[in-house]
Amino acid sequence: MIDATNPVDFSKDIRVRTSTSLFAGTTNSLGDRVQCLLPTAKVVRCFNTVNDQTMNNPKMKEGLSDTVICRNNEGAKRKVASILTSHTI
């Protein structure tokens, strides 16, 4: 399962907020929370550092953009990397 979530707290009015607040990350990560909800899945965090413009148009003059792929299962990370590199854009 590819997890592209971010623990951004949108519960307060964005117009009065001076900085982004998070609802996870001080004692555990959102990736850990997702893994707890899907205990038998191989959860791999990916795309959560990519903005919407790059997500919609990842091809740049230098080539495709990089993305961070995280988790403690090397096989699952290799599978996600394979999926990402196998698609022609």
Protein backbone atom coordinates (compact mmCIF):
# COMPACT_ATOMS: atom_id res chain seq x y z
CA MET A 1 0.00 0.00 0.00
CA ILE A 2 1.46 3.36 -1.00
CA ASP A 3 0.84 5.93 1.74
CA ALA A 4 1.03 9.54 0.55
CA THR A 5 -0.59 11.07 3.62
CA ASN A 6 0.69 13.94 5.75
CA PRO A 7 -0.44 14.61 9.34
CA VAL A 8 -1.50 18.20 8.69
CA ASP A 9 -4.16 19.49 11.08
CA PHE A 10 -6.89 21.40 9.22
CA SER A 11 -9.23 21.63 12.21
CA LYS A 12 -8.53 25.34 12.73
CA ASP A 13 -9.41 28.14 10.34
CA ILE A 14 -6.49 28.35 7.90
CA ARG A 15 -6.91 32.15 7.64
CA VAL A 16 -5.97 32.67 11.29
CA ARG A 17 -3.29 30.00 11.50
CA THR A 18 0.26 31.32 11.32
CA SER A 19 1.96 27.95 10.90
CA THR A 20 1.05 24.44 9.92
CA SER A 21 0.28 22.17 12.82
CA LEU A 22 0.49 18.40 12.82
CA PHE A 23 -1.68 15.83 14.56
CA ALA A 24 1.02 13.11 14.58
CA GLY A 25 4.77 12.94 14.72
CA THR A 26 5.83 13.77 18.26
CA THR A 27 5.58 10.21 19.62
CA ASN A 28 4.82 8.23 16.45
CA SER A 29 4.56 8.89 12.75
CA LEU A 30 1.47 8.93 10.58
CA GLY A 31 3.06 6.05 8.68
CA ASP A 32 3.05 4.05 11.93
CA ARG A 33 -0.62 4.90 12.45
CA VAL A 34 -1.50 3.77 8.93
CA GLN A 35 0.45 0.53 9.52
CA CYS A 36 -1.55 -0.08 12.72
CA LEU A 37 -4.79 0.32 10.76
CA LEU A 38 -3.54 -2.16 8.12
CA PRO A 39 -1.43 -4.57 10.17
CA THR A 40 -0.96 -7.21 7.45
CA ALA A 41 -0.20 -4.72 4.65
CA LYS A 42 3.23 -3.67 3.52
CA VAL A 43 2.84 0.10 3.87
CA VAL A 44 5.37 2.23 1.99
CA ARG A 45 5.41 6.02 2.36
CA CYS A 46 5.87 7.81 -0.91
CA PHE A 47 4.78 11.06 -2.63
CA ASN A 48 4.13 12.88 0.64
CA THR A 49 6.95 15.33 -0.14
CA VAL A 50 5.80 16.03 -3.71
CA ASN A 51 3.62 19.08 -4.41
CA ASP A 52 0.52 18.85 -6.59
CA GLN A 53 2.15 20.49 -9.62
CA THR A 54 4.97 17.94 -9.68
CA MET A 55 2.51 15.11 -9.02
CA ASN A 56 0.46 16.15 -12.06
CA ASN A 57 3.48 16.80 -14.29
CA PRO A 58 6.54 14.90 -12.98
CA LYS A 59 8.56 15.27 -16.19
CA MET A 60 11.01 18.16 -15.90
CA LYS A 61 13.72 19.37 -18.25
CA GLU A 62 16.26 17.46 -16.12
CA GLY A 63 14.14 14.29 -16.27
CA LEU A 64 11.67 12.84 -13.80
CA SER A 65 11.58 14.24 -10.29
CA ASP A 66 12.88 12.24 -7.33
CA THR A 67 10.71 11.12 -4.46
CA VAL A 68 11.44 9.69 -1.04
CA ILE A 69 10.39 6.06 -0.48
CA CYS A 70 10.32 5.01 3.19
CA ARG A 71 9.61 1.92 5.24
CA ASN A 72 11.46 -0.88 6.94
CA ASN A 73 10.66 -3.53 4.30
CA GLU A 74 13.25 -3.49 1.51
CA GLY A 75 11.18 -5.75 -0.75
CA ALA A 76 8.15 -3.46 -0.51
CA LYS A 77 10.29 -0.39 -1.22
CA ARG A 78 11.82 -2.08 -4.28
CA LYS A 79 8.33 -2.97 -5.53
CA VAL A 80 7.15 0.65 -5.21
CA ALA A 81 10.32 1.89 -6.94
CA SER A 82 9.69 -0.60 -9.74
CA ILE A 83 6.10 0.61 -10.15
CA LEU A 84 7.26 4.22 -10.28
CA THR A 85 10.00 3.64 -12.83
CA SER A 86 8.01 1.27 -15.06
CA HIS A 87 5.40 3.83 -16.14
CA THR A 88 6.06 5.99 -19.15
CA ILE A 89 5.00 9.58 -18.72
